Protein backbone atom coordinates (compact mmCIF):
# COMPACT_ATOMS: atom_id res chain seq x y z
CA MET A 1 -178.33 0.83 40.18
CA SER A 2 -181.77 0.01 38.32
CA MET A 3 -182.77 -2.62 36.54
CA GLU A 4 -183.00 -2.48 32.58
CA THR A 5 -186.52 -3.60 31.18
CA LEU A 6 -187.92 -3.93 28.03
CA GLU A 7 -191.69 -3.62 27.43
CA PHE A 8 -193.74 -4.22 24.62
CA ILE A 9 -197.52 -3.75 23.92
CA ILE A 10 -198.80 -5.50 21.05
CA TYR A 11 -202.04 -3.88 19.53
CA PRO A 12 -204.74 -5.51 17.70
CA ASP A 13 -203.80 -3.81 14.48
CA GLY A 14 -200.51 -5.49 14.63
CA ARG A 15 -198.44 -1.98 15.73
CA VAL A 16 -196.05 -2.79 18.59
CA GLN A 17 -195.02 -0.17 21.16
CA GLU A 18 -191.79 -0.56 22.60
CA LYS A 19 -190.43 1.11 26.19
CA VAL A 20 -186.85 0.74 27.44
CA THR A 21 -186.03 1.79 30.98
CA GLY A 22 -182.89 1.73 33.04
CA ILE A 23 -180.68 2.08 30.32
CA ILE A 24 -178.63 5.69 30.42
CA GLY A 25 -177.91 7.24 27.11
CA SER A 26 -178.23 6.36 23.30
CA SER A 27 -177.00 2.58 24.29
CA CYS A 28 -180.53 1.59 24.32
CA GLN A 29 -180.64 1.77 20.58
CA GLU A 30 -177.85 -0.97 20.36
CA VAL A 31 -180.10 -2.97 22.81
CA THR A 32 -183.23 -2.64 20.64
CA ALA A 33 -181.67 -2.85 17.28
CA ALA A 34 -181.97 -6.62 16.38
CA ILE A 35 -185.70 -7.02 18.12
CA GLU A 36 -186.73 -3.74 15.85
CA ALA A 37 -185.31 -5.35 12.75
CA GLN A 38 -187.29 -8.84 13.37
CA LEU A 39 -190.36 -6.92 13.99
CA GLY A 40 -190.59 -4.78 11.13
CA GLN A 41 -190.59 -0.84 10.14
CA VAL A 42 -190.22 1.69 12.74
CA VAL A 43 -192.91 3.84 12.53
CA SER A 44 -191.62 6.95 15.34
CA GLN A 45 -189.45 6.79 18.23
CA GLU A 46 -189.73 9.06 21.23
CA LYS A 47 -186.57 9.26 23.35
CA THR A 48 -186.83 9.72 27.08
CA SER A 49 -184.75 11.48 29.84
CA ASP A 50 -182.75 8.63 30.14
CA TYR A 51 -181.42 8.87 26.46
CA TYR A 52 -180.21 12.26 26.97
CA SER A 53 -178.56 11.40 30.47
CA GLN A 54 -175.17 10.49 30.49
CA THR A 55 -173.35 8.29 32.99
CA LEU A 56 -170.89 9.81 35.36
CA ASN A 57 -167.50 8.68 35.86
CA GLN A 58 -165.53 10.83 38.28
CA SER A 59 -161.97 10.16 38.85
CA THR A 60 -159.91 12.26 41.59
CA LYS A 61 -156.24 12.84 41.17
CA ALA A 62 -154.62 14.71 43.89
CA THR A 63 -150.70 15.71 43.83
CA ASN A 64 -149.30 17.55 46.53
CA GLN A 65 -145.83 18.61 46.00
CA ALA A 66 -144.18 21.13 48.08
CA THR A 67 -140.95 22.84 47.58
CA PHE A 68 -138.69 25.20 49.87
CA SER A 69 -136.41 27.67 48.44
CA ASP A 70 -133.00 27.97 50.06
CA TRP A 71 -132.87 30.88 52.58
């Protein structure tokens, strides 16, 4: 499991660059929504490969059924 991080770069002209790492899928938008609302207008977004990834949930169920016919 990777560490979730938010990185902000604040430029002299007031622009803020935000980078999210360690969060898989679109949930990163939920994490950053409140911060972005306080910072102001979002000019652009560039989604990383983590955004398009999906968490893998595996479930295995095995059922064995043996039947014998009458001879």
